[in-house]
């Protein structure tokens, strides 16, 4: 292969690499839309389908107005927490989010690249506001529908989060080192402290 072909080949690889980079980086608007669709499917449509197990008449007979009202308020609180956390991520990633390019590592790393550590907004009070919001939303649906299948779904969601969170924390500790170790010491995992300390003022740590 002559020098001309080598140069052309190198240019082609660079062009393909640039194209793949643009494909892997998800713009903020597209990322928010994808997250919204996924959240609605997992945390609204799925509870609805679970509530239909066992018959519509039986479901209506078991749910009292007070429980339904409490459920709606709980859903609103959980959804607000999720949106607040999403807004913090939106502000922290003006160029969008980068997806992980090595599918073979998905069992050891998440499908997205950890480019920053948030310590502002809801992340200054608890370390997992999106996951906490998801659990709260499911609790709201369980109260609203009053169906065993939805309560079972809530239990499965909580068990899944209890597995995912320690795994993500190990990855973040490897990625951010002492910064994340200090964050672990200052900010609780699920329940905010009365005095959240200085973490809320620290903003964003980037790699």
N, C-alpha and C. Protein backbone atom coordinates (compact mmCIF):
# COMPACT_ATOMS: atom_id res chain seq x y z
N UNK A 1 0.86 -1.19 0.00
CA UNK A 1 0.00 0.00 0.00
C UNK A 1 0.89 1.23 0.00
N UNK A 2 0.62 2.16 -0.93
CA UNK A 2 1.45 3.33 -1.09
C UNK A 2 1.15 4.39 -0.06
N UNK A 3 2.00 5.45 -0.01
CA UNK A 3 1.80 6.52 0.96
C UNK A 3 0.45 7.22 0.81
N UNK A 4 0.01 7.36 -0.49
CA UNK A 4 -1.28 8.02 -0.71
C UNK A 4 -2.41 7.26 -0.07
N UNK A 5 -2.37 5.91 -0.23
CA UNK A 5 -3.45 5.11 0.36
C UNK A 5 -3.38 5.12 1.88
N UNK A 6 -2.15 5.12 2.41
CA UNK A 6 -2.02 5.18 3.87
C UNK A 6 -2.62 6.47 4.41
N UNK A 7 -2.31 7.60 3.71
CA UNK A 7 -2.85 8.88 4.16
C UNK A 7 -4.36 8.89 4.07
N UNK A 8 -4.88 8.35 2.94
CA UNK A 8 -6.33 8.32 2.77
C UNK A 8 -6.98 7.44 3.84
N UNK A 9 -6.32 6.31 4.13
CA UNK A 9 -6.87 5.41 5.15
C UNK A 9 -6.89 6.09 6.52
N UNK A 10 -5.79 6.80 6.83
CA UNK A 10 -5.76 7.50 8.11
C UNK A 10 -6.82 8.57 8.20
N UNK A 11 -7.04 9.29 7.07
CA UNK A 11 -8.08 10.31 7.06
C UNK A 11 -9.46 9.69 7.27
N UNK A 12 -9.68 8.53 6.61
CA UNK A 12 -10.96 7.85 6.74
C UNK A 12 -11.22 7.43 8.18
N UNK A 13 -10.16 6.89 8.84
CA UNK A 13 -10.32 6.48 10.22
C UNK A 13 -10.63 7.68 11.11
N UNK A 14 -9.97 8.81 10.84
CA UNK A 14 -10.22 10.00 11.64
C UNK A 14 -11.64 10.50 11.44
N UNK A 15 -12.11 10.47 10.17
CA UNK A 15 -13.47 10.91 9.87
C UNK A 15 -14.47 9.99 10.55
N UNK A 16 -14.25 8.68 10.44
CA UNK A 16 -15.16 7.73 11.07
C UNK A 16 -15.16 7.90 12.58
N UNK A 17 -13.96 8.14 13.15
CA UNK A 17 -13.89 8.36 14.59
C UNK A 17 -14.67 9.58 15.01
N UNK A 18 -14.55 10.67 14.23
CA UNK A 18 -15.29 11.88 14.54
C UNK A 18 -16.78 11.64 14.44
N UNK A 19 -17.22 10.87 13.40
CA UNK A 19 -18.63 10.58 13.25
C UNK A 19 -19.14 9.78 14.43
N UNK A 20 -18.37 8.77 14.85
CA UNK A 20 -18.79 7.96 15.98
C UNK A 20 -18.85 8.79 17.26
N UNK A 21 -17.92 9.74 17.40
CA UNK A 21 -17.94 10.60 18.59
C UNK A 21 -19.23 11.40 18.64
N UNK A 22 -19.64 11.95 17.47
CA UNK A 22 -20.86 12.73 17.45
C UNK A 22 -22.08 11.86 17.72
N UNK A 23 -22.05 10.61 17.27
CA UNK A 23 -23.16 9.71 17.53
C UNK A 23 -23.22 9.38 19.01
N UNK A 24 -22.06 9.19 19.66
CA UNK A 24 -22.04 8.79 21.06
C UNK A 24 -22.43 9.93 21.99
N UNK A 25 -22.17 11.17 21.59
CA UNK A 25 -22.52 12.29 22.46
C UNK A 25 -23.97 12.68 22.20
N UNK A 26 -24.78 12.55 23.23
CA UNK A 26 -26.22 12.82 23.11
C UNK A 26 -26.49 14.26 23.50
N UNK A 27 -27.09 15.07 22.62
CA UNK A 27 -27.42 16.46 22.99
C UNK A 27 -28.38 16.49 24.18
N UNK A 28 -28.36 17.61 24.89
CA UNK A 28 -29.17 17.70 26.11
C UNK A 28 -30.66 17.51 25.83
N UNK A 29 -31.17 18.14 24.78
CA UNK A 29 -32.61 18.04 24.50
C UNK A 29 -32.99 16.60 24.20
N UNK A 30 -32.18 15.93 23.36
CA UNK A 30 -32.46 14.54 23.03
C UNK A 30 -32.37 13.66 24.26
N UNK A 31 -31.37 13.92 25.12
CA UNK A 31 -31.23 13.13 26.33
C UNK A 31 -32.41 13.30 27.28
N UNK A 32 -32.88 14.53 27.41
CA UNK A 32 -34.03 14.79 28.28
C UNK A 32 -35.28 14.13 27.73
N UNK A 33 -35.48 14.19 26.41
CA UNK A 33 -36.65 13.55 25.82
C UNK A 33 -36.60 12.04 26.02
N UNK A 34 -35.42 11.44 25.79
CA UNK A 34 -35.30 10.00 25.98
C UNK A 34 -35.54 9.62 27.43
N UNK A 35 -34.98 10.40 28.35
CA UNK A 35 -35.18 10.13 29.79
C UNK A 35 -36.66 10.25 30.15
N UNK A 36 -37.34 11.25 29.61
CA UNK A 36 -38.76 11.46 29.93
C UNK A 36 -39.61 10.29 29.45
N UNK A 37 -39.37 9.86 28.22
CA UNK A 37 -40.13 8.73 27.69
C UNK A 37 -39.89 7.47 28.52
N UNK A 38 -38.61 7.21 28.85
CA UNK A 38 -38.29 6.03 29.65
C UNK A 38 -38.91 6.12 31.05
N UNK A 39 -38.87 7.31 31.65
CA UNK A 39 -39.43 7.48 32.99
C UNK A 39 -40.93 7.29 32.99
N UNK A 40 -41.62 7.82 31.99
CA UNK A 40 -43.06 7.64 31.90
C UNK A 40 -43.43 6.18 31.71
N UNK A 41 -42.65 5.48 30.88
CA UNK A 41 -42.94 4.07 30.65
C UNK A 41 -42.73 3.25 31.91
N UNK A 42 -41.62 3.51 32.61
CA UNK A 42 -41.27 2.69 33.78
C UNK A 42 -42.03 3.08 35.03
N UNK A 43 -42.39 4.36 35.16
CA UNK A 43 -42.94 4.84 36.43
C UNK A 43 -44.37 5.37 36.32
N UNK A 44 -45.00 5.19 35.16
CA UNK A 44 -46.41 5.56 35.02
C UNK A 44 -47.19 4.46 34.29
N UNK A 45 -46.70 4.09 33.10
CA UNK A 45 -47.40 3.06 32.32
C UNK A 45 -47.32 1.70 33.00
N UNK A 46 -46.13 1.34 33.48
CA UNK A 46 -45.98 0.03 34.12
C UNK A 46 -46.85 -0.11 35.37
N UNK A 47 -46.86 0.87 36.29
CA UNK A 47 -47.79 0.74 37.42
C UNK A 47 -49.25 0.63 36.99
N UNK A 48 -49.63 1.36 35.94
CA UNK A 48 -50.99 1.27 35.44
C UNK A 48 -51.31 -0.15 34.98
N UNK A 49 -50.41 -0.74 34.22
CA UNK A 49 -50.65 -2.10 33.74
C UNK A 49 -50.69 -3.09 34.90
N UNK A 50 -49.83 -2.90 35.88
CA UNK A 50 -49.86 -3.80 37.03
C UNK A 50 -51.17 -3.66 37.81
N UNK A 51 -51.71 -2.43 37.85
CA UNK A 51 -52.94 -2.21 38.59
C UNK A 51 -54.13 -2.92 37.95
N UNK A 52 -54.03 -3.26 36.69
CA UNK A 52 -55.13 -3.91 35.99
C UNK A 52 -55.18 -5.41 36.24
N UNK A 53 -54.15 -5.94 36.87
CA UNK A 53 -54.16 -7.36 37.18
C UNK A 53 -55.21 -7.64 38.24
N UNK A 54 -56.11 -8.58 37.98
CA UNK A 54 -57.12 -8.94 38.97
C UNK A 54 -58.48 -8.34 38.70
N UNK A 55 -58.60 -7.47 37.71
CA UNK A 55 -59.92 -6.95 37.37
C UNK A 55 -60.14 -5.53 37.82
N UNK A 56 -60.81 -4.74 36.97
CA UNK A 56 -61.05 -3.32 37.24
C UNK A 56 -62.00 -3.11 38.41
N UNK A 57 -63.05 -3.92 38.50
CA UNK A 57 -64.02 -3.72 39.57
C UNK A 57 -63.40 -3.95 40.95
N UNK A 58 -62.59 -5.00 41.06
CA UNK A 58 -61.94 -5.28 42.33
C UNK A 58 -60.99 -4.17 42.71
N UNK A 59 -60.29 -3.60 41.73
CA UNK A 59 -59.35 -2.52 42.00
C UNK A 59 -60.08 -1.30 42.56
N UNK A 60 -61.21 -0.95 41.96
CA UNK A 60 -61.95 0.22 42.42
C UNK A 60 -62.49 0.02 43.83
N UNK A 61 -62.91 -1.18 44.14
CA UNK A 61 -63.47 -1.44 45.44
C UNK A 61 -62.46 -1.36 46.56
N UNK A 62 -61.19 -1.57 46.26
CA UNK A 62 -60.17 -1.61 47.31
C UNK A 62 -59.52 -0.27 47.57
N UNK A 63 -59.74 0.72 46.72
CA UNK A 63 -59.03 1.98 46.84
C UNK A 63 -59.96 3.06 47.38
N UNK A 64 -59.58 3.66 48.49
CA UNK A 64 -60.38 4.70 49.11
C UNK A 64 -59.93 6.08 48.63
N UNK A 65 -60.84 7.06 48.63
CA UNK A 65 -60.48 8.40 48.16
C UNK A 65 -59.30 9.01 48.90
N UNK A 66 -59.22 8.80 50.21
CA UNK A 66 -58.11 9.36 50.98
C UNK A 66 -56.78 8.76 50.53
N UNK A 67 -56.76 7.45 50.30
CA UNK A 67 -55.54 6.80 49.84
C UNK A 67 -55.16 7.28 48.45
N UNK A 68 -56.17 7.48 47.60
CA UNK A 68 -55.89 7.97 46.24
C UNK A 68 -55.31 9.38 46.28
N UNK A 69 -55.86 10.23 47.16
CA UNK A 69 -55.34 11.59 47.27
C UNK A 69 -53.91 11.58 47.81
N UNK A 70 -53.66 10.76 48.83
CA UNK A 70 -52.30 10.66 49.36
C UNK A 70 -51.35 10.13 48.31
N UNK A 71 -51.84 9.19 47.49
CA UNK A 71 -51.00 8.65 46.42
C UNK A 71 -50.63 9.70 45.40
N UNK A 72 -51.59 10.53 45.00
CA UNK A 72 -51.31 11.58 44.01
C UNK A 72 -50.30 12.59 44.55
N UNK A 73 -50.45 12.96 45.82
CA UNK A 73 -49.48 13.89 46.42
C UNK A 73 -48.09 13.27 46.47
N UNK A 74 -48.02 11.99 46.79
CA UNK A 74 -46.73 11.30 46.85
C UNK A 74 -46.10 11.22 45.46
N UNK A 75 -46.92 10.92 44.46
CA UNK A 75 -46.41 10.88 43.09
C UNK A 75 -45.86 12.23 42.68
N UNK A 76 -46.59 13.29 43.01
CA UNK A 76 -46.14 14.64 42.65
C UNK A 76 -44.81 14.97 43.33
N UNK A 77 -44.67 14.58 44.61
CA UNK A 77 -43.43 14.86 45.33
C UNK A 77 -42.26 14.10 44.71
N UNK A 78 -42.47 12.82 44.40
CA UNK A 78 -41.39 12.05 43.79
C UNK A 78 -41.03 12.56 42.41
N UNK A 79 -42.05 12.91 41.61
CA UNK A 79 -41.77 13.45 40.28
C UNK A 79 -41.03 14.77 40.34
N UNK A 80 -41.39 15.62 41.30
CA UNK A 80 -40.70 16.91 41.45
C UNK A 80 -39.23 16.70 41.81
N UNK A 81 -38.95 15.74 42.67
CA UNK A 81 -37.57 15.45 43.04
C UNK A 81 -36.78 14.96 41.84
N UNK A 82 -37.38 14.08 41.03
CA UNK A 82 -36.71 13.60 39.82
C UNK A 82 -36.42 14.73 38.85
N UNK A 83 -37.39 15.61 38.65
CA UNK A 83 -37.19 16.72 37.72
C UNK A 83 -36.14 17.70 38.23
N UNK A 84 -36.11 17.93 39.53
CA UNK A 84 -35.09 18.82 40.11
C UNK A 84 -33.69 18.25 39.86
N UNK A 85 -33.55 16.95 40.05
CA UNK A 85 -32.25 16.31 39.81
C UNK A 85 -31.89 16.35 38.33
N UNK A 86 -32.87 16.12 37.45
CA UNK A 86 -32.61 16.19 36.02
C UNK A 86 -32.18 17.59 35.61
N UNK A 87 -32.80 18.61 36.19
CA UNK A 87 -32.42 19.99 35.89
C UNK A 87 -30.97 20.26 36.29
N UNK A 88 -30.54 19.68 37.41
CA UNK A 88 -29.14 19.84 37.83
C UNK A 88 -28.20 19.20 36.82
N UNK A 89 -28.54 18.02 36.31
CA UNK A 89 -27.72 17.39 35.29
C UNK A 89 -27.73 18.19 33.99
N UNK A 90 -28.88 18.73 33.64
CA UNK A 90 -28.99 19.53 32.42
C UNK A 90 -28.07 20.75 32.49
N UNK A 91 -28.03 21.38 33.62
CA UNK A 91 -27.15 22.55 33.80
C UNK A 91 -25.68 22.16 33.79
N UNK A 92 -25.37 20.97 34.31
CA UNK A 92 -23.98 20.55 34.42
C UNK A 92 -23.39 20.05 33.11
N UNK A 93 -24.24 19.76 32.12
CA UNK A 93 -23.75 19.16 30.86
C UNK A 93 -24.20 19.98 29.67
N UNK A 94 -23.62 21.17 29.45
CA UNK A 94 -24.05 22.02 28.34
C UNK A 94 -23.81 21.39 26.97
N UNK A 95 -22.85 20.47 26.88
CA UNK A 95 -22.55 19.80 25.62
C UNK A 95 -23.27 18.45 25.48
N UNK A 96 -24.10 18.12 26.42
CA UNK A 96 -24.79 16.84 26.37
C UNK A 96 -24.03 15.77 27.14
N UNK A 97 -24.47 14.53 26.98
CA UNK A 97 -23.90 13.40 27.71
C UNK A 97 -23.25 12.42 26.75
N UNK A 98 -22.14 11.85 27.17
CA UNK A 98 -21.38 10.92 26.33
C UNK A 98 -21.69 9.50 26.74
N UNK A 99 -22.04 8.67 25.74
CA UNK A 99 -22.31 7.27 25.99
C UNK A 99 -21.03 6.47 25.99
N UNK A 100 -21.00 5.40 26.73
CA UNK A 100 -19.84 4.50 26.76
C UNK A 100 -19.73 3.78 25.43
N UNK A 101 -18.52 3.76 24.84
CA UNK A 101 -18.33 3.21 23.49
C UNK A 101 -17.91 1.76 23.48
N UNK A 102 -17.79 1.12 24.64
CA UNK A 102 -17.33 -0.27 24.68
C UNK A 102 -18.41 -1.15 25.30
N UNK A 103 -19.28 -1.73 24.45
CA UNK A 103 -20.39 -2.52 24.99
C UNK A 103 -19.94 -3.71 25.83
N UNK A 104 -18.74 -4.24 25.58
CA UNK A 104 -18.29 -5.41 26.34
C UNK A 104 -18.05 -5.07 27.80
N UNK A 105 -17.98 -3.79 28.14
CA UNK A 105 -17.72 -3.39 29.51
C UNK A 105 -19.00 -3.00 30.26
N UNK A 106 -20.16 -3.24 29.64
CA UNK A 106 -21.40 -2.78 30.25
C UNK A 106 -21.68 -3.46 31.59
N UNK A 107 -21.14 -4.65 31.79
CA UNK A 107 -21.36 -5.32 33.07
C UNK A 107 -20.48 -4.71 34.16
N UNK A 108 -19.44 -3.97 33.77
CA UNK A 108 -18.54 -3.38 34.76
C UNK A 108 -18.65 -1.87 34.81
N UNK A 109 -19.17 -1.25 33.78
CA UNK A 109 -19.32 0.20 33.73
C UNK A 109 -20.70 0.55 33.22
N UNK A 110 -21.24 1.72 33.57
CA UNK A 110 -22.56 2.12 33.07
C UNK A 110 -22.47 2.49 31.59
N UNK A 111 -23.61 2.57 30.88
CA UNK A 111 -23.59 2.90 29.45
C UNK A 111 -23.28 4.36 29.16
N UNK A 112 -23.10 5.18 30.19
CA UNK A 112 -22.76 6.57 30.02
C UNK A 112 -21.39 6.84 30.65
N UNK A 113 -20.74 7.88 30.19
CA UNK A 113 -19.43 8.23 30.71
C UNK A 113 -19.58 9.19 31.90
N UNK A 114 -18.92 8.88 33.00
CA UNK A 114 -18.98 9.72 34.19
C UNK A 114 -18.01 10.88 34.04
N UNK A 115 -18.53 12.01 33.62
CA UNK A 115 -17.68 13.17 33.32
C UNK A 115 -17.70 14.23 34.41
N UNK A 116 -18.63 14.15 35.33
CA UNK A 116 -18.71 15.15 36.39
C UNK A 116 -19.38 14.54 37.61
N UNK A 117 -19.10 15.18 38.75
CA UNK A 117 -19.71 14.79 40.02
C UNK A 117 -20.54 15.96 40.52
N UNK A 118 -21.84 15.75 40.62
CA UNK A 118 -22.75 16.80 41.06
C UNK A 118 -22.79 16.87 42.58
N UNK A 119 -22.69 18.10 43.10
CA UNK A 119 -22.84 18.31 44.54
C UNK A 119 -23.66 19.58 44.78
N UNK A 120 -24.65 19.81 43.92
CA UNK A 120 -25.48 20.99 44.04
C UNK A 120 -26.94 20.59 43.87
N UNK A 121 -27.85 21.50 44.22
CA UNK A 121 -29.26 21.19 44.12
C UNK A 121 -29.62 20.02 45.03
N UNK A 122 -30.42 19.08 44.56
CA UNK A 122 -30.80 17.93 45.40
C UNK A 122 -29.61 17.06 45.76
N UNK A 123 -28.55 17.11 44.94
CA UNK A 123 -27.36 16.30 45.22
C UNK A 123 -26.56 16.85 46.40
N UNK A 124 -26.91 18.04 46.87
CA UNK A 124 -26.31 18.56 48.09
C UNK A 124 -27.01 18.07 49.34
N UNK A 125 -28.16 17.40 49.15
CA UNK A 125 -28.93 16.89 50.29
C UNK A 125 -28.88 15.37 50.39
N UNK A 126 -29.04 14.69 49.24
CA UNK A 126 -28.91 13.23 49.20
C UNK A 126 -28.13 12.85 47.95
N UNK A 127 -27.53 11.68 47.97
CA UNK A 127 -26.66 11.29 46.87
C UNK A 127 -27.42 10.72 45.67
N UNK A 128 -28.66 10.28 45.88
CA UNK A 128 -29.39 9.60 44.81
C UNK A 128 -30.81 10.16 44.66
N UNK A 129 -30.93 11.43 44.31
CA UNK A 129 -32.28 12.02 44.26
C UNK A 129 -33.17 11.44 43.17
N UNK A 130 -32.59 11.06 42.02
CA UNK A 130 -33.43 10.48 40.96
C UNK A 130 -33.97 9.13 41.41
N UNK A 131 -33.10 8.29 41.95
CA UNK A 131 -33.55 6.98 42.42
C UNK A 131 -34.55 7.12 43.56
N UNK A 132 -34.28 8.04 44.47
CA UNK A 132 -35.22 8.27 45.57
C UNK A 132 -36.57 8.73 45.04
N UNK A 133 -36.54 9.62 44.05
CA UNK A 133 -37.79 10.07 43.44
C UNK A 133 -38.55 8.94 42.78
N UNK A 134 -37.83 8.03 42.13
CA UNK A 134 -38.49 6.88 41.50
C UNK A 134 -39.19 6.02 42.54
N UNK A 135 -38.51 5.76 43.65
CA UNK A 135 -39.12 4.95 44.71
C UNK A 135 -40.35 5.64 45.29
N UNK A 136 -40.27 6.96 45.47
CA UNK A 136 -41.40 7.71 46.02
C UNK A 136 -42.58 7.68 45.05
N UNK A 137 -42.30 7.81 43.76
CA UNK A 137 -43.36 7.74 42.75
C UNK A 137 -44.06 6.38 42.80
N UNK A 138 -43.28 5.31 42.89
CA UNK A 138 -43.88 3.98 42.98
C UNK A 138 -44.70 3.82 44.25
N UNK A 139 -44.24 4.39 45.35
CA UNK A 139 -45.02 4.36 46.57
C UNK A 139 -46.36 5.08 46.36
N UNK A 140 -46.32 6.19 45.66
CA UNK A 140 -47.55 6.92 45.36
C UNK A 140 -48.52 6.11 44.53
N UNK A 141 -48.00 5.42 43.51
CA UNK A 141 -48.89 4.59 42.69
C UNK A 141 -49.46 3.43 43.51
N UNK A 142 -48.65 2.87 44.41
CA UNK A 142 -49.15 1.77 45.25
C UNK A 142 -50.30 2.26 46.14
N UNK A 143 -50.16 3.46 46.68
CA UNK A 143 -51.24 4.04 47.48
C UNK A 143 -52.46 4.35 46.62
N UNK A 144 -52.20 4.87 45.44
CA UNK A 144 -53.29 5.29 44.56
C UNK A 144 -54.12 4.10 44.07
N UNK A 145 -53.44 3.07 43.61
CA UNK A 145 -54.16 1.91 43.06
C UNK A 145 -54.57 0.90 44.14
N UNK A 146 -53.77 0.77 45.18
CA UNK A 146 -54.08 -0.17 46.23
C UNK A 146 -54.09 -1.62 45.80
N UNK A 147 -53.26 -1.95 44.80
CA UNK A 147 -53.24 -3.30 44.26
C UNK A 147 -51.97 -4.03 44.68
N UNK A 148 -52.09 -5.33 45.04
CA UNK A 148 -50.90 -6.09 45.45
C UNK A 148 -49.80 -6.11 44.39
N UNK A 149 -50.20 -6.15 43.12
CA UNK A 149 -49.20 -6.19 42.06
C UNK A 149 -48.35 -4.91 42.03
N UNK A 150 -48.98 -3.77 42.32
CA UNK A 150 -48.23 -2.51 42.33
C UNK A 150 -47.32 -2.44 43.56
N UNK A 151 -47.80 -2.93 44.69
CA UNK A 151 -46.94 -3.00 45.88
C UNK A 151 -45.76 -3.92 45.63
N UNK A 152 -45.99 -5.01 44.91
CA UNK A 152 -44.88 -5.90 44.55
C UNK A 152 -43.89 -5.19 43.64
N UNK A 153 -44.43 -4.41 42.69
CA UNK A 153 -43.55 -3.63 41.82
C UNK A 153 -42.70 -2.66 42.61
N UNK A 154 -43.30 -2.01 43.62
CA UNK A 154 -42.54 -1.10 44.49
C UNK A 154 -41.41 -1.85 45.19
N UNK A 155 -41.70 -3.04 45.70
CA UNK A 155 -40.66 -3.83 46.38
C UNK A 155 -39.54 -4.21 45.43
N UNK A 156 -39.89 -4.56 44.19
CA UNK A 156 -38.86 -4.92 43.20
C UNK A 156 -38.00 -3.71 42.86
N UNK A 157 -38.64 -2.55 42.69
CA UNK A 157 -37.88 -1.32 42.39
C UNK A 157 -36.91 -1.01 43.52
N UNK A 158 -37.37 -1.09 44.75
CA UNK A 158 -36.49 -0.79 45.89
C UNK A 158 -35.34 -1.79 45.99
N UNK A 159 -35.63 -3.06 45.73
CA UNK A 159 -34.56 -4.07 45.76
C UNK A 159 -33.55 -3.81 44.65
N UNK A 160 -34.03 -3.42 43.48
CA UNK A 160 -33.11 -3.11 42.39
C UNK A 160 -32.23 -1.91 42.69
N UNK A 161 -32.83 -0.87 43.27
CA UNK A 161 -32.05 0.31 43.61
C UNK A 161 -31.03 0.00 44.70
N UNK A 162 -31.40 -0.84 45.65
CA UNK A 162 -30.46 -1.22 46.71
C UNK A 162 -29.27 -1.98 46.15
N UNK A 163 -29.44 -2.60 44.98
CA UNK A 163 -28.32 -3.31 44.32
C UNK A 163 -27.51 -2.37 43.45
N UNK A 164 -28.20 -1.49 42.71
CA UNK A 164 -27.52 -0.62 41.75
C UNK A 164 -26.68 0.45 42.44
N UNK A 165 -27.21 1.04 43.50
CA UNK A 165 -26.54 2.19 44.12
C UNK A 165 -25.14 1.85 44.64
N UNK A 166 -24.92 0.77 45.40
CA UNK A 166 -23.56 0.47 45.83
C UNK A 166 -22.60 0.22 44.66
N UNK A 167 -23.10 -0.40 43.60
CA UNK A 167 -22.28 -0.61 42.40
C UNK A 167 -21.86 0.72 41.79
N UNK A 168 -22.79 1.64 41.63
CA UNK A 168 -22.45 2.95 41.07
C UNK A 168 -21.50 3.71 41.99
N UNK A 169 -21.70 3.58 43.29
CA UNK A 169 -20.82 4.29 44.22
C UNK A 169 -19.39 3.79 44.11
N UNK A 170 -19.20 2.50 43.92
CA UNK A 170 -17.83 1.98 43.73
C UNK A 170 -17.20 2.56 42.47
N UNK A 171 -17.98 2.66 41.39
CA UNK A 171 -17.45 3.23 40.15
C UNK A 171 -17.11 4.72 40.32
N UNK A 172 -17.97 5.44 41.01
CA UNK A 172 -17.71 6.86 41.24
C UNK A 172 -16.49 7.07 42.13
N UNK A 173 -16.31 6.18 43.09
CA UNK A 173 -15.14 6.28 43.96
C UNK A 173 -13.86 6.04 43.15
N UNK A 174 -13.90 5.09 42.23
CA UNK A 174 -12.74 4.85 41.37
C UNK A 174 -12.49 6.04 40.45
N UNK A 175 -13.57 6.67 40.00
CA UNK A 175 -13.45 7.75 39.02
C UNK A 175 -12.99 9.06 39.66
N UNK A 176 -13.57 9.41 40.83
CA UNK A 176 -13.33 10.73 41.41
C UNK A 176 -12.48 10.70 42.68
N UNK A 177 -12.18 9.53 43.19
CA UNK A 177 -11.25 9.40 44.29
C UNK A 177 -11.65 10.14 45.55
N UNK A 178 -10.74 10.98 46.05
CA UNK A 178 -10.95 11.68 47.32
C UNK A 178 -12.14 12.63 47.28
N UNK A 179 -12.43 13.22 46.10
CA UNK A 179 -13.59 14.11 46.01
C UNK A 179 -14.87 13.35 46.32
N UNK A 180 -15.00 12.17 45.76
CA UNK A 180 -16.21 11.40 46.03
C UNK A 180 -16.20 10.80 47.43
N UNK A 181 -15.03 10.46 47.92
CA UNK A 181 -14.94 9.95 49.29
C UNK A 181 -15.42 11.01 50.29
N UNK A 182 -15.04 12.25 50.06
CA UNK A 182 -15.51 13.34 50.92
C UNK A 182 -17.02 13.53 50.77
N UNK A 183 -17.51 13.40 49.54
CA UNK A 183 -18.95 13.52 49.29
C UNK A 183 -19.72 12.43 50.03
N UNK A 184 -19.18 11.21 50.03
CA UNK A 184 -19.83 10.12 50.76
C UNK A 184 -19.94 10.42 52.25
N UNK A 185 -18.90 11.05 52.77
CA UNK A 185 -18.89 11.35 54.20
C UNK A 185 -19.83 12.50 54.56
N UNK A 186 -20.06 13.40 53.61
CA UNK A 186 -20.83 14.61 53.92
C UNK A 186 -22.32 14.49 53.61
N UNK A 187 -22.67 13.71 52.58
CA UNK A 187 -24.05 13.68 52.09
C UNK A 187 -24.61 12.27 52.23
N UNK A 188 -25.76 12.11 52.88
CA UNK A 188 -26.34 10.77 53.06
C UNK A 188 -26.86 10.20 51.75
N UNK A 189 -27.06 8.90 51.75
CA UNK A 189 -27.48 8.20 50.53
C UNK A 189 -28.94 8.49 50.19
N UNK A 190 -29.84 8.41 51.18
CA UNK A 190 -31.28 8.48 50.90
C UNK A 190 -32.01 9.59 51.66
N UNK A 191 -31.73 9.75 52.93
CA UNK A 191 -32.50 10.67 53.77
C UNK A 191 -31.65 11.88 54.10
N UNK A 192 -32.09 13.10 53.77
CA UNK A 192 -31.27 14.29 54.04
C UNK A 192 -31.12 14.56 55.52
N UNK A 193 -29.98 15.14 55.87
CA UNK A 193 -29.76 15.58 57.25
C UNK A 193 -30.43 16.93 57.46
N UNK A 194 -30.69 17.25 58.72
CA UNK A 194 -31.25 18.55 59.05
C UNK A 194 -30.27 19.66 58.67
N UNK A 195 -28.99 19.44 58.96
CA UNK A 195 -27.93 20.36 58.56
C UNK A 195 -27.10 19.67 57.48
N UNK A 196 -27.30 20.00 56.17
CA UNK A 196 -26.61 19.30 55.10
C UNK A 196 -25.13 19.58 55.00
N UNK A 197 -24.61 20.56 55.74
CA UNK A 197 -23.18 20.83 55.70
C UNK A 197 -22.76 21.59 54.46
N UNK A 198 -21.46 21.59 54.15
CA UNK A 198 -20.94 22.42 53.07
C UNK A 198 -21.10 21.85 51.68
N UNK A 199 -21.54 20.60 51.53
CA UNK A 199 -21.51 19.98 50.20
C UNK A 199 -22.40 20.71 49.21
N UNK A 200 -23.51 21.31 49.68
CA UNK A 200 -24.42 21.96 48.75
C UNK A 200 -23.78 23.13 48.04
N UNK A 201 -22.75 23.71 48.64
CA UNK A 201 -22.11 24.88 48.06
C UNK A 201 -21.00 24.54 47.08
N UNK A 202 -20.68 23.27 46.91
CA UNK A 202 -19.49 22.93 46.17
C UNK A 202 -19.71 22.77 44.67
N UNK A 203 -20.93 22.62 44.24
CA UNK A 203 -21.20 22.63 42.81
C UNK A 203 -20.85 21.35 42.10
N UNK A 204 -19.94 21.43 41.11
CA UNK A 204 -19.65 20.33 40.20
C UNK A 204 -18.15 20.06 40.19
N UNK A 205 -17.78 18.79 40.23
CA UNK A 205 -16.40 18.37 40.03
C UNK A 205 -16.34 17.64 38.70
N UNK A 206 -15.43 18.06 37.84
CA UNK A 206 -15.31 17.46 36.51
C UNK A 206 -13.98 16.70 36.39
N UNK A 207 -14.03 15.71 35.48
CA UNK A 207 -12.81 14.95 35.20
C UNK A 207 -12.18 15.42 33.91
